[in-house]
């Protein structure tokens, strides 16, 4: 079956395609298995810095100690 035919059936000609009108910012960012909170509770300058580290392919070792307070640490369940 022709792909164009299938698409015409799924999305009829003249029908507006569904488009996202908004974007969603991430709440978490990760470096080498370490996750950091970058939601609205994180100061904007820290959030922007962590995003810049992420964009530069930084590793966890590159993250300054003062930013590590935003690292999400889950408590291990005790048996």
PDB file of N, CA and C in Angstrom:
ATOM      1  N   UNK A   1       0.849  -1.167   0.000  1.00  0.00           N
ATOM      2  CA  UNK A   1       0.000   0.000   0.000  1.00  0.00           C
ATOM      3  C   UNK A   1       0.899   1.236   0.000  1.00  0.00           C
ATOM      4  N   UNK A   2       0.525   2.230  -0.734  1.00  0.00           N
ATOM      5  CA  UNK A   2       1.291   3.463  -0.877  1.00  0.00           C
ATOM      6  C   UNK A   2       1.189   4.289   0.406  1.00  0.00           C
ATOM      7  N   UNK A   3       2.347   4.772   0.896  1.00  0.00           N
ATOM      8  CA  UNK A   3       2.387   5.562   2.125  1.00  0.00           C
ATOM      9  C   UNK A   3       1.554   6.833   1.999  1.00  0.00           C
ATOM     10  N   UNK A   4       1.599   7.485   0.851  1.00  0.00           N
ATOM     11  CA  UNK A   4       0.804   8.704   0.655  1.00  0.00           C
ATOM     12  C   UNK A   4      -0.684   8.405   0.810  1.00  0.00           C
ATOM     13  N   UNK A   5      -1.111   7.251   0.324  1.00  0.00           N
ATOM     14  CA  UNK A   5      -2.514   6.845   0.449  1.00  0.00           C
ATOM     15  C   UNK A   5      -2.881   6.651   1.919  1.00  0.00           C
ATOM     16  N   UNK A   6      -2.005   5.980   2.647  1.00  0.00           N
ATOM     17  CA  UNK A   6      -2.249   5.733   4.067  1.00  0.00           C
ATOM     18  C   UNK A   6      -2.325   7.049   4.825  1.00  0.00           C
ATOM     19  N   UNK A   7      -1.409   7.966   4.546  1.00  0.00           N
ATOM     20  CA  UNK A   7      -1.423   9.259   5.223  1.00  0.00           C
ATOM     21  C   UNK A   7      -2.667  10.057   4.883  1.00  0.00           C
ATOM     22  N   UNK A   8      -3.135   9.943   3.649  1.00  0.00           N
ATOM     23  CA  UNK A   8      -4.354  10.646   3.249  1.00  0.00           C
ATOM     24  C   UNK A   8      -5.555  10.116   4.022  1.00  0.00           C
ATOM     25  N   UNK A   9      -5.567   8.827   4.288  1.00  0.00           N
ATOM     26  CA  UNK A   9      -6.659   8.251   5.069  1.00  0.00           C
ATOM     27  C   UNK A   9      -6.562   8.713   6.524  1.00  0.00           C
ATOM     28  N   UNK A  10      -5.356   8.691   7.086  1.00  0.00           N
ATOM     29  CA  UNK A  10      -5.175   9.067   8.483  1.00  0.00           C
ATOM     30  C   UNK A  10      -5.347  10.560   8.702  1.00  0.00           C
ATOM     31  N   UNK A  11      -4.815  11.367   7.802  1.00  0.00           N
ATOM     32  CA  UNK A  11      -4.911  12.823   7.892  1.00  0.00           C
ATOM     33  C   UNK A  11      -5.466  13.318   6.568  1.00  0.00           C
ATOM     34  N   UNK A  12      -6.770  13.473   6.466  1.00  0.00           N
ATOM     35  CA  UNK A  12      -7.382  13.884   5.201  1.00  0.00           C
ATOM     36  C   UNK A  12      -6.830  15.223   4.709  1.00  0.00           C
ATOM     37  N   UNK A  13      -6.772  15.371   3.395  1.00  0.00           N
ATOM     38  CA  UNK A  13      -6.308  16.609   2.783  1.00  0.00           C
ATOM     39  C   UNK A  13      -7.186  17.748   3.270  1.00  0.00           C
ATOM     40  N   UNK A  14      -6.565  18.848   3.667  1.00  0.00           N
ATOM     41  CA  UNK A  14      -7.298  20.004   4.164  1.00  0.00           C
ATOM     42  C   UNK A  14      -7.567  19.975   5.656  1.00  0.00           C
ATOM     43  N   UNK A  15      -7.304  18.853   6.292  1.00  0.00           N
ATOM     44  CA  UNK A  15      -7.505  18.750   7.737  1.00  0.00           C
ATOM     45  C   UNK A  15      -6.272  19.301   8.437  1.00  0.00           C
ATOM     46  N   UNK A  16      -6.457  20.224   9.377  1.00  0.00           N
ATOM     47  CA  UNK A  16      -5.274  20.756  10.062  1.00  0.00           C
ATOM     48  C   UNK A  16      -4.609  19.669  10.903  1.00  0.00           C
ATOM     49  N   UNK A  17      -3.317  19.549  10.744  1.00  0.00           N
ATOM     50  CA  UNK A  17      -2.574  18.567  11.541  1.00  0.00           C
ATOM     51  C   UNK A  17      -2.475  19.076  12.977  1.00  0.00           C
ATOM     52  N   UNK A  18      -2.367  18.158  13.895  1.00  0.00           N
ATOM     53  CA  UNK A  18      -2.216  18.552  15.293  1.00  0.00           C
ATOM     54  C   UNK A  18      -0.823  19.126  15.482  1.00  0.00           C
ATOM     55  N   UNK A  19      -0.780  20.317  16.031  1.00  0.00           N
ATOM     56  CA  UNK A  19       0.502  20.974  16.260  1.00  0.00           C
ATOM     57  C   UNK A  19       0.574  21.388  17.721  1.00  0.00           C
ATOM     58  N   UNK A  20       1.759  21.283  18.281  1.00  0.00           N
ATOM     59  CA  UNK A  20       1.963  21.734  19.656  1.00  0.00           C
ATOM     60  C   UNK A  20       2.013  23.252  19.675  1.00  0.00           C
ATOM     61  N   UNK A  21       1.235  23.836  20.539  1.00  0.00           N
ATOM     62  CA  UNK A  21       1.218  25.287  20.654  1.00  0.00           C
ATOM     63  C   UNK A  21       2.110  25.787  21.776  1.00  0.00           C
ATOM     64  N   UNK A  22       2.552  24.881  22.620  1.00  0.00           N
ATOM     65  CA  UNK A  22       3.409  25.264  23.732  1.00  0.00           C
ATOM     66  C   UNK A  22       4.548  24.270  23.839  1.00  0.00           C
ATOM     67  N   UNK A  23       5.579  24.680  24.532  1.00  0.00           N
ATOM     68  CA  UNK A  23       6.678  23.765  24.798  1.00  0.00           C
ATOM     69  C   UNK A  23       6.776  23.574  26.307  1.00  0.00           C
ATOM     70  N   UNK A  24       7.377  22.493  26.704  1.00  0.00           N
ATOM     71  CA  UNK A  24       7.509  22.163  28.112  1.00  0.00           C
ATOM     72  C   UNK A  24       8.987  22.089  28.446  1.00  0.00           C
ATOM     73  N   UNK A  25       9.360  22.768  29.501  1.00  0.00           N
ATOM     74  CA  UNK A  25      10.744  22.747  29.951  1.00  0.00           C
ATOM     75  C   UNK A  25      10.967  21.527  30.846  1.00  0.00           C
ATOM     76  N   UNK A  26      12.175  20.973  30.845  1.00  0.00           N
ATOM     77  CA  UNK A  26      12.451  19.808  31.691  1.00  0.00           C
ATOM     78  C   UNK A  26      12.511  20.188  33.170  1.00  0.00           C
ATOM     79  N   UNK A  27      12.168  19.230  34.034  1.00  0.00           N
ATOM     80  CA  UNK A  27      12.275  19.414  35.482  1.00  0.00           C
ATOM     81  C   UNK A  27      13.558  18.812  36.027  1.00  0.00           C
ATOM     82  N   UNK A  28      14.154  17.910  35.252  1.00  0.00           N
ATOM     83  CA  UNK A  28      15.358  17.196  35.683  1.00  0.00           C
ATOM     84  C   UNK A  28      16.371  17.198  34.547  1.00  0.00           C
ATOM     85  N   UNK A  29      17.636  17.083  34.937  1.00  0.00           N
ATOM     86  CA  UNK A  29      18.711  16.957  33.956  1.00  0.00           C
ATOM     87  C   UNK A  29      19.721  15.978  34.545  1.00  0.00           C
ATOM     88  N   UNK A  30      20.392  15.209  33.719  1.00  0.00           N
ATOM     89  CA  UNK A  30      21.284  14.184  34.236  1.00  0.00           C
ATOM     90  C   UNK A  30      22.684  14.242  33.670  1.00  0.00           C
ATOM     91  N   UNK A  31      23.639  13.879  34.517  1.00  0.00           N
ATOM     92  CA  UNK A  31      25.047  13.779  34.144  1.00  0.00           C
ATOM     93  C   UNK A  31      25.582  12.471  34.713  1.00  0.00           C
ATOM     94  N   UNK A  32      25.974  11.564  33.864  1.00  0.00           N
ATOM     95  CA  UNK A  32      26.593  10.304  34.293  1.00  0.00           C
ATOM     96  C   UNK A  32      25.772   9.575  35.362  1.00  0.00           C
ATOM     97  N   UNK A  33      24.464   9.540  35.198  1.00  0.00           N
ATOM     98  CA  UNK A  33      23.614   8.839  36.146  1.00  0.00           C
ATOM     99  C   UNK A  33      23.219   9.649  37.370  1.00  0.00           C
ATOM    100  N   UNK A  34      23.677  10.869  37.483  1.00  0.00           N
ATOM    101  CA  UNK A  34      23.312  11.763  38.579  1.00  0.00           C
ATOM    102  C   UNK A  34      22.264  12.740  38.057  1.00  0.00           C
ATOM    103  N   UNK A  35      21.143  12.838  38.762  1.00  0.00           N
ATOM    104  CA  UNK A  35      20.061  13.707  38.310  1.00  0.00           C
ATOM    105  C   UNK A  35      19.995  14.974  39.156  1.00  0.00           C
ATOM    106  N   UNK A  36      19.699  16.084  38.481  1.00  0.00           N
ATOM    107  CA  UNK A  36      19.592  17.380  39.132  1.00  0.00           C
ATOM    108  C   UNK A  36      18.215  17.963  38.876  1.00  0.00           C
ATOM    109  N   UNK A  37      17.664  18.602  39.903  1.00  0.00           N
ATOM    110  CA  UNK A  37      16.391  19.290  39.765  1.00  0.00           C
ATOM    111  C   UNK A  37      16.635  20.642  39.109  1.00  0.00           C
ATOM    112  N   UNK A  38      15.880  20.930  38.047  1.00  0.00           N
ATOM    113  CA  UNK A  38      15.970  22.246  37.403  1.00  0.00           C
ATOM    114  C   UNK A  38      14.565  22.805  37.207  1.00  0.00           C
ATOM    115  N   UNK A  39      13.693  22.520  38.183  1.00  0.00           N
ATOM    116  CA  UNK A  39      12.316  23.008  38.085  1.00  0.00           C
ATOM    117  C   UNK A  39      12.220  24.429  38.634  1.00  0.00           C
ATOM    118  N   UNK A  40      10.998  24.896  38.851  1.00  0.00           N
ATOM    119  CA  UNK A  40      10.790  26.278  39.284  1.00  0.00           C
ATOM    120  C   UNK A  40      11.356  26.569  40.667  1.00  0.00           C
ATOM    121  N   UNK A  41      11.680  25.541  41.459  1.00  0.00           N
ATOM    122  CA  UNK A  41      12.274  25.769  42.778  1.00  0.00           C
ATOM    123  C   UNK A  41      13.780  26.018  42.696  1.00  0.00           C
ATOM    124  N   UNK A  42      14.371  25.756  41.543  1.00  0.00           N
ATOM    125  CA  UNK A  42      15.805  25.976  41.342  1.00  0.00           C
ATOM    126  C   UNK A  42      16.021  27.408  40.854  1.00  0.00           C
ATOM    127  N   UNK A  43      16.953  28.147  41.482  1.00  0.00           N
ATOM    128  CA  UNK A  43      17.221  29.511  41.014  1.00  0.00           C
ATOM    129  C   UNK A  43      17.575  29.530  39.524  1.00  0.00           C
ATOM    130  N   UNK A  44      17.108  30.553  38.834  1.00  0.00           N
ATOM    131  CA  UNK A  44      17.283  30.655  37.386  1.00  0.00           C
ATOM    132  C   UNK A  44      18.745  30.589  36.973  1.00  0.00           C
ATOM    133  N   UNK A  45      19.636  31.250  37.725  1.00  0.00           N
ATOM    134  CA  UNK A  45      21.050  31.241  37.343  1.00  0.00           C
ATOM    135  C   UNK A  45      21.655  29.845  37.457  1.00  0.00           C
ATOM    136  N   UNK A  46      21.244  29.083  38.461  1.00  0.00           N
ATOM    137  CA  UNK A  46      21.732  27.703  38.626  1.00  0.00           C
ATOM    138  C   UNK A  46      21.172  26.831  37.510  1.00  0.00           C
ATOM    139  N   UNK A  47      19.890  26.977  37.241  1.00  0.00           N
ATOM    140  CA  UNK A  47      19.245  26.214  36.166  1.00  0.00           C
ATOM    141  C   UNK A  47      19.934  26.475  34.834  1.00  0.00           C
ATOM    142  N   UNK A  48      20.155  27.744  34.520  1.00  0.00           N
ATOM    143  CA  UNK A  48      20.804  28.099  33.259  1.00  0.00           C
ATOM    144  C   UNK A  48      22.221  27.541  33.182  1.00  0.00           C
ATOM    145  N   UNK A  49      22.934  27.577  34.310  1.00  0.00           N
ATOM    146  CA  UNK A  49      24.299  27.043  34.333  1.00  0.00           C
ATOM    147  C   UNK A  49      24.297  25.531  34.112  1.00  0.00           C
ATOM    148  N   UNK A  50      23.389  24.818  34.769  1.00  0.00           N
ATOM    149  CA  UNK A  50      23.312  23.363  34.585  1.00  0.00           C
ATOM    150  C   UNK A  50      22.941  23.008  33.150  1.00  0.00           C
ATOM    151  N   UNK A  51      22.030  23.770  32.559  1.00  0.00           N
ATOM    152  CA  UNK A  51      21.679  23.531  31.156  1.00  0.00           C
ATOM    153  C   UNK A  51      22.870  23.800  30.239  1.00  0.00           C
ATOM    154  N   UNK A  52      23.664  24.815  30.554  1.00  0.00           N
ATOM    155  CA  UNK A  52      24.859  25.115  29.756  1.00  0.00           C
ATOM    156  C   UNK A  52      25.878  23.985  29.875  1.00  0.00           C
ATOM    157  N   UNK A  53      26.050  23.443  31.086  1.00  0.00           N
ATOM    158  CA  UNK A  53      26.948  22.293  31.246  1.00  0.00           C
ATOM    159  C   UNK A  53      26.442  21.116  30.411  1.00  0.00           C
ATOM    160  N   UNK A  54      25.140  20.884  30.453  1.00  0.00           N
ATOM    161  CA  UNK A  54      24.554  19.782  29.689  1.00  0.00           C
ATOM    162  C   UNK A  54      24.792  19.966  28.192  1.00  0.00           C
ATOM    163  N   UNK A  55      24.579  21.182  27.707  1.00  0.00           N
ATOM    164  CA  UNK A  55      24.765  21.470  26.280  1.00  0.00           C
ATOM    165  C   UNK A  55      26.216  21.338  25.840  1.00  0.00           C
ATOM    166  N   UNK A  56      27.147  21.469  26.796  1.00  0.00           N
ATOM    167  CA  UNK A  56      28.567  21.372  26.453  1.00  0.00           C
ATOM    168  C   UNK A  56      29.111  19.958  26.650  1.00  0.00           C
ATOM    169  N   UNK A  57      28.203  18.990  26.861  1.00  0.00           N
ATOM    170  CA  UNK A  57      28.591  17.584  27.063  1.00  0.00           C
ATOM    171  C   UNK A  57      29.489  17.398  28.280  1.00  0.00           C
ATOM    172  N   UNK A  58      29.236  18.178  29.328  1.00  0.00           N
ATOM    173  CA  UNK A  58      30.003  18.058  30.566  1.00  0.00           C
ATOM    174  C   UNK A  58      29.692  16.727  31.245  1.00  0.00           C
ATOM    175  N   UNK A  59      30.579  16.328  32.121  1.00  0.00           N
ATOM    176  CA  UNK A  59      30.365  15.135  32.929  1.00  0.00           C
ATOM    177  C   UNK A  59      30.033  15.567  34.351  1.00  0.00           C
ATOM    178  N   UNK A  60      29.655  14.616  35.181  1.00  0.00           N
ATOM    179  CA  UNK A  60      29.342  14.915  36.580  1.00  0.00           C
ATOM    180  C   UNK A  60      30.536  15.557  37.274  1.00  0.00           C
ATOM    181  N   UNK A  61      31.727  15.114  36.936  1.00  0.00           N
ATOM    182  CA  UNK A  61      32.940  15.664  37.551  1.00  0.00           C
ATOM    183  C   UNK A  61      33.116  17.148  37.234  1.00  0.00           C
ATOM    184  N   UNK A  62      32.530  17.616  36.139  1.00  0.00           N
ATOM    185  CA  UNK A  62      32.634  19.024  35.751  1.00  0.00           C
ATOM    186  C   UNK A  62      31.684  19.932  36.530  1.00  0.00           C
ATOM    187  N   UNK A  63      30.702  19.361  37.191  1.00  0.00           N
ATOM    188  CA  UNK A  63      29.699  20.161  37.896  1.00  0.00           C
ATOM    189  C   UNK A  63      30.296  20.671  39.204  1.00  0.00           C
ATOM    190  N   UNK A  64      30.277  21.986  39.426  1.00  0.00           N
ATOM    191  CA  UNK A  64      30.836  22.539  40.664  1.00  0.00           C
ATOM    192  C   UNK A  64      30.101  22.024  41.907  1.00  0.00           C
ATOM    193  N   UNK A  65      30.835  21.894  42.993  1.00  0.00           N
ATOM    194  CA  UNK A  65      30.263  21.402  44.250  1.00  0.00           C
ATOM    195  C   UNK A  65      29.045  22.210  44.684  1.00  0.00           C
ATOM    196  N   UNK A  66      29.077  23.532  44.503  1.00  0.00           N
ATOM    197  CA  UNK A  66      27.962  24.362  44.968  1.00  0.00           C
ATOM    198  C   UNK A  66      26.665  24.094  44.201  1.00  0.00           C
ATOM    199  N   UNK A  67      26.756  23.476  43.026  1.00  0.00           N
ATOM    200  CA  UNK A  67      25.559  23.125  42.261  1.00  0.00           C
ATOM    201  C   UNK A  67      25.030  21.746  42.652  1.00  0.00           C
ATOM    202  N   UNK A  68      25.839  20.981  43.341  1.00  0.00           N
ATOM    203  CA  UNK A  68      25.451  19.605  43.669  1.00  0.00           C
ATOM    204  C   UNK A  68      24.384  19.530  44.752  1.00  0.00           C
ATOM    205  N   UNK A  69      24.077  20.663  45.387  1.00  0.00           N
ATOM    206  CA  UNK A  69      22.978  20.652  46.361  1.00  0.00           C
ATOM    207  C   UNK A  69      21.637  20.463  45.658  1.00  0.00           C
ATOM    208  N   UNK A  70      21.618  20.656  44.338  1.00  0.00           N
ATOM    209  CA  UNK A  70      20.397  20.461  43.558  1.00  0.00           C
ATOM    210  C   UNK A  70      20.297  19.048  42.998  1.00  0.00           C
ATOM    211  N   UNK A  71      21.271  18.206  43.362  1.00  0.00           N
ATOM    212  CA  UNK A  71      21.229  16.811  42.928  1.00  0.00           C
ATOM    213  C   UNK A  71      20.104  16.093  43.672  1.00  0.00           C
ATOM    214  N   UNK A  72      19.361  15.292  42.949  1.00  0.00           N
ATOM    215  CA  UNK A  72      18.260  14.532  43.538  1.00  0.00           C
ATOM    216  C   UNK A  72      18.835  13.227  44.059  1.00  0.00           C
ATOM    217  N   UNK A  73      18.722  13.048  45.368  1.00  0.00           N
ATOM    218  CA  UNK A  73      19.237  11.836  46.004  1.00  0.00           C
ATOM    219  C   UNK A  73      18.047  11.093  46.590  1.00  0.00           C
ATOM    220  N   UNK A  74      17.813   9.906  46.079  1.00  0.00           N
ATOM    221  CA  UNK A  74      16.707   9.097  46.583  1.00  0.00           C
ATOM    222  C   UNK A  74      17.195   8.255  47.743  1.00  0.00           C
ATOM    223  N   UNK A  75      16.375   8.175  48.771  1.00  0.00           N
ATOM    224  CA  UNK A  75      16.715   7.340  49.915  1.00  0.00           C
ATOM    225  C   UNK A  75      16.512   5.881  49.546  1.00  0.00           C
ATOM    226  N   UNK A  76      17.499   5.078  49.828  1.00  0.00           N
ATOM    227  CA  UNK A  76      17.382   3.644  49.565  1.00  0.00           C
ATOM    228  C   UNK A  76      16.441   3.033  50.600  1.00  0.00           C
ATOM    229  N   UNK A  77      15.601   2.139  50.146  1.00  0.00           N
ATOM    230  CA  UNK A  77      14.691   1.473  51.074  1.00  0.00           C
ATOM    231  C   UNK A  77      15.477   0.508  51.941  1.00  0.00           C
ATOM    232  N   UNK A  78      15.168   0.543  53.231  1.00  0.00           N
ATOM    233  CA  UNK A  78      15.839  -0.368  54.147  1.00  0.00           C
ATOM    234  C   UNK A  78      15.020  -1.642  54.270  1.00  0.00           C
ATOM    235  N   UNK A  79      15.707  -2.768  54.344  1.00  0.00           N
ATOM    236  CA  UNK A  79      15.015  -4.060  54.492  1.00  0.00           C
ATOM    237  C   UNK A  79      14.718  -4.339  55.938  1.00  0.00           C
TER     238      UNK A  79
END
